[in-house]
Each structure stands twice: as structure tokens, then as C-alpha cells.
Protein backbone atom coordinates (compact mmCIF):
# COMPACT_ATOMS: atom_id res chain seq x y z
CA UNK A 1 15.21 -8.68 -18.35
CA UNK A 2 14.51 -9.13 -22.07
CA UNK A 3 16.08 -6.74 -24.55
CA UNK A 4 13.94 -3.67 -25.16
CA UNK A 5 12.52 -3.59 -21.66
CA UNK A 6 13.44 -0.71 -19.38
CA UNK A 7 15.25 -0.91 -16.10
CA UNK A 8 12.70 -1.06 -13.27
CA UNK A 9 12.35 1.92 -10.98
CA UNK A 10 13.69 1.10 -7.52
CA UNK A 11 10.99 0.05 -5.05
CA UNK A 12 11.14 1.66 -1.64
CA UNK A 13 9.89 0.27 1.67
CA UNK A 14 6.30 -0.95 1.37
CA UNK A 15 6.34 -0.64 -2.44
CA UNK A 16 6.01 -3.24 -5.20
CA UNK A 17 7.71 -3.11 -8.58
CA UNK A 18 5.42 -4.11 -11.43
CA UNK A 19 8.49 -5.81 -12.87
CA UNK A 20 8.32 -8.33 -10.03
CA UNK A 21 4.73 -9.23 -10.94
CA UNK A 22 4.39 -12.59 -12.69
CA UNK A 23 3.57 -13.64 -16.23
CA UNK A 24 1.15 -15.31 -16.49
CA UNK A 25 -0.64 -12.94 -14.11
CA UNK A 26 -1.64 -13.71 -10.53
CA UNK A 27 -4.98 -13.06 -8.84
CA UNK A 28 -5.19 -12.04 -5.19
CA UNK A 29 -7.81 -10.62 -2.81
CA UNK A 30 -7.54 -6.94 -1.86
CA UNK A 31 -7.59 -6.12 1.86
CA UNK A 32 -8.21 -2.38 1.28
CA UNK A 33 -11.51 -0.68 0.59
CA UNK A 34 -12.07 0.08 -3.12
CA UNK A 35 -14.30 2.93 -4.28
CA UNK A 36 -15.35 4.34 -7.64
CA UNK A 37 -16.87 7.82 -7.99
CA UNK A 38 -18.62 8.92 -11.18
CA UNK A 39 -20.88 11.86 -11.96
CA UNK A 40 -20.85 13.07 -8.38
CA UNK A 41 -21.83 9.77 -6.73
CA UNK A 42 -20.01 6.79 -5.26
CA UNK A 43 -21.28 4.05 -7.55
CA UNK A 44 -19.08 1.25 -6.22
CA UNK A 45 -17.74 0.61 -2.73
CA UNK A 46 -16.33 -2.71 -1.51
CA UNK A 47 -13.96 -4.47 0.84
CA UNK A 48 -14.33 -7.68 -1.20
CA UNK A 49 -12.28 -6.78 -4.27
CA UNK A 50 -9.62 -8.64 -6.22
CA UNK A 51 -6.55 -7.46 -8.07
CA UNK A 52 -4.69 -8.93 -11.02
CA UNK A 53 -0.90 -8.56 -11.00
CA UNK A 54 0.88 -8.83 -14.34
CA UNK A 55 4.45 -7.97 -15.34
CA UNK A 56 4.82 -4.30 -16.34
CA UNK A 57 1.22 -3.36 -15.44
CA UNK A 58 -0.13 -1.63 -12.36
CA UNK A 59 -2.82 -3.80 -10.73
CA UNK A 60 -6.29 -4.02 -12.25
CA UNK A 61 -8.99 -4.07 -9.58
CA UNK A 62 -12.25 -6.03 -9.80
CA UNK A 63 -15.30 -5.26 -7.65
CA UNK A 64 -18.20 -7.62 -6.92
CA UNK A 65 -21.44 -6.68 -8.71
CA UNK A 66 -23.37 -6.64 -5.41
CA UNK A 67 -21.24 -3.67 -4.29
CA UNK A 68 -22.06 -1.58 -7.38
CA UNK A 69 -25.17 0.61 -7.51
CA UNK A 70 -28.02 -0.94 -9.48
CA UNK A 71 -28.37 0.73 -12.88
CA UNK A 72 -24.77 2.04 -12.90
CA UNK A 73 -23.74 -0.34 -15.69
CA UNK A 74 -25.25 -0.88 -19.14
CA UNK A 75 -23.98 -3.52 -21.61
CA UNK A 76 -21.85 -1.84 -24.26
CA UNK A 77 -21.56 -4.62 -26.82
CA UNK A 78 -18.37 -6.03 -28.23
CA UNK A 79 -15.62 -7.64 -26.26
CA UNK A 80 -11.98 -8.62 -26.18
CA UNK A 81 -9.93 -11.69 -25.42
CA UNK A 82 -7.27 -11.99 -22.75
CA UNK A 83 -4.96 -14.95 -23.21
CA UNK A 84 -4.99 -15.50 -19.43
CA UNK A 85 -8.48 -14.58 -18.24
CA UNK A 86 -10.68 -15.34 -21.25
CA UNK A 87 -13.34 -13.26 -23.02
CA UNK A 88 -14.20 -9.83 -21.59
CA UNK A 89 -17.44 -7.93 -22.02
CA UNK A 90 -17.66 -4.13 -21.78
CA UNK A 91 -20.07 -1.82 -20.01
CA UNK A 92 -21.02 1.83 -20.18
CA UNK A 93 -20.95 3.49 -16.77
CA UNK A 94 -24.15 5.44 -16.14
CA UNK A 95 -24.47 8.29 -13.65
CA UNK A 96 -27.37 10.61 -12.89
CA UNK A 97 -26.47 12.95 -15.75
CA UNK A 98 -23.54 11.42 -17.62
CA UNK A 99 -22.51 8.23 -19.36
CA UNK A 100 -18.96 6.95 -19.91
CA UNK A 101 -18.89 4.56 -22.87
CA UNK A 102 -17.04 1.25 -22.50
CA UNK A 103 -15.57 2.44 -19.19
CA UNK A 104 -15.86 -0.90 -17.36
CA UNK A 105 -15.38 -4.56 -18.19
CA UNK A 106 -15.92 -8.03 -16.76
CA UNK A 107 -15.12 -11.67 -17.43
CA UNK A 108 -18.44 -13.55 -17.16
CA UNK A 109 -16.73 -16.96 -17.47
CA UNK A 110 -13.02 -16.51 -16.75
CA UNK A 111 -10.49 -19.29 -17.10
CA UNK A 112 -9.88 -21.59 -14.11
CA UNK A 113 -7.13 -19.62 -12.35
CA UNK A 114 -9.29 -16.48 -12.51
CA UNK A 115 -12.66 -18.09 -11.64
CA UNK A 116 -13.18 -15.81 -8.58
CA UNK A 117 -13.47 -12.85 -11.00
CA UNK A 118 -16.65 -14.20 -12.60
CA UNK A 119 -19.00 -11.26 -13.02
CA UNK A 120 -16.77 -8.85 -11.08
CA UNK A 121 -16.37 -5.43 -12.66
CA UNK A 122 -13.20 -3.46 -13.40
CA UNK A 123 -13.32 0.26 -14.13
CA UNK A 124 -11.05 2.44 -16.25
CA UNK A 125 -9.90 4.98 -13.66
CA UNK A 126 -9.32 7.62 -16.34
CA UNK A 127 -13.00 7.60 -17.31
CA UNK A 128 -14.18 7.95 -13.71
CA UNK A 129 -14.28 11.05 -11.53
CA UNK A 130 -12.10 9.23 -8.99
CA UNK A 131 -11.09 5.72 -7.94
CA UNK A 132 -9.62 4.88 -4.56
CA UNK A 133 -7.59 2.08 -2.99
CA UNK A 134 -8.00 2.67 0.72
CA UNK A 135 -7.95 6.44 1.11
CA UNK A 136 -5.57 7.01 -1.81
CA UNK A 137 -6.90 8.39 -5.07
CA UNK A 138 -5.38 6.38 -7.92
CA UNK A 139 -3.74 7.56 -11.12
CA UNK A 140 -4.92 5.78 -14.28
CA UNK A 141 -2.51 3.52 -16.14
CA UNK A 142 -1.27 5.33 -19.25
CA UNK A 143 -2.61 4.33 -22.64
CA UNK A 144 -6.17 3.97 -23.85
CA UNK A 145 -6.48 0.19 -23.56
CA UNK A 146 -5.01 -0.58 -20.16
CA UNK A 147 -7.03 -0.41 -16.96
CA UNK A 148 -4.51 -0.53 -14.14
CA UNK A 149 -4.72 1.70 -11.09
CA UNK A 150 -1.47 3.34 -9.97
CA UNK A 151 -0.93 4.05 -6.27
CA UNK A 152 2.12 5.09 -4.26
CA UNK A 153 2.60 1.38 -3.47
CA UNK A 154 3.61 0.45 -7.04
CA UNK A 155 6.54 1.58 -9.15
CA UNK A 156 7.13 1.18 -12.89
CA UNK A 157 7.82 2.07 -15.55
CA UNK A 158 4.36 0.97 -16.67
CA UNK A 159 3.13 -0.57 -19.90
CA UNK A 160 1.07 2.04 -21.74
CA UNK A 161 3.57 4.87 -21.48
CA UNK A 162 4.99 6.17 -24.81
CA UNK A 163 7.39 3.66 -26.37
CA UNK A 164 6.05 0.60 -24.51
CA UNK A 165 4.15 -1.15 -27.32
CA UNK A 166 6.94 -3.70 -27.82
CA UNK A 167 7.17 -4.82 -24.21
């Protein structure tokens, strides 16, 4: 491991260490059901999701737009650039009585290796009421920029925790 990186937490049976995830990241389909709850409603529910695995990050999950309630997303303007996936656009998440600004993102035209993500939506778990992988409620990845979902199946330490900017 490069200098300045922490020692990985030991992975138990059925767990993955984020330090075994690749760089550049890898894309893989998700066999579990993914759900997003916001403002008292389930606004996204799918068994056709994808996850991105990248060294030091818990997985980011992407849901197909057809499995998200119509009207739950509003373009937020602006964007960002991922060296691996391309240009991201942001969305506000809109519930019956609340709005979470820039709480979701997508890659409309991702790079070749990530082409299956085109138009799929990822949600910041910390801005939602709850996000689930299978029946497990996730913990948001630490830090304001990162959008990974932490479950019992992944161990860190995770990028985004205090002192991790240099990783």
C-alpha cells in the first residue's frame, strides 16, 4: 500500500474490503433490490441496479430511470468530471413536501467501460430518508462529496473520513 494510506480493516466471511477494489474502478450489476426513501415515500425501487467499485470507497449504486418515480428528480444545473466515468450532471430530489438540492447525479454519456450507467441515477444516502441494499439500511459514505453506500458487507477505512484527503 502507498505511504499515507491506512491499513485496511480485516474483512470477515462474506465481506469485501474497499482496499481490494480496483483503480480504475469496476462496474458490476447488483443482484440485490435497491430502494431509496425520501419525504415519506419510496421514490426508487429496482432489481436492475449497478454498482461502481473503486479503491478506498464504499460502492456507489446507480438505479435505472424507469424505476424512479416520475417527477422525483429536477435538473440542478452544474456538473463535475470523473476521470473514469466522464461528466456528471446533478439533480434535486423532489418529494411531496420537501426538496433535497443536488442530492442525486447521473452520467448521461459515460465513458466506454461505464456505458451501462448512461442515464442511471445515483443518490447521496445522507440526503435521503433511507437507502437500502436488500433489506439492509445503508450508512452514507463520510464526507460531503462522496456518494458511497456502506453496508455490513464492506469494510474500510473509507475515503471521506477525517484525514483522508491525501489518499
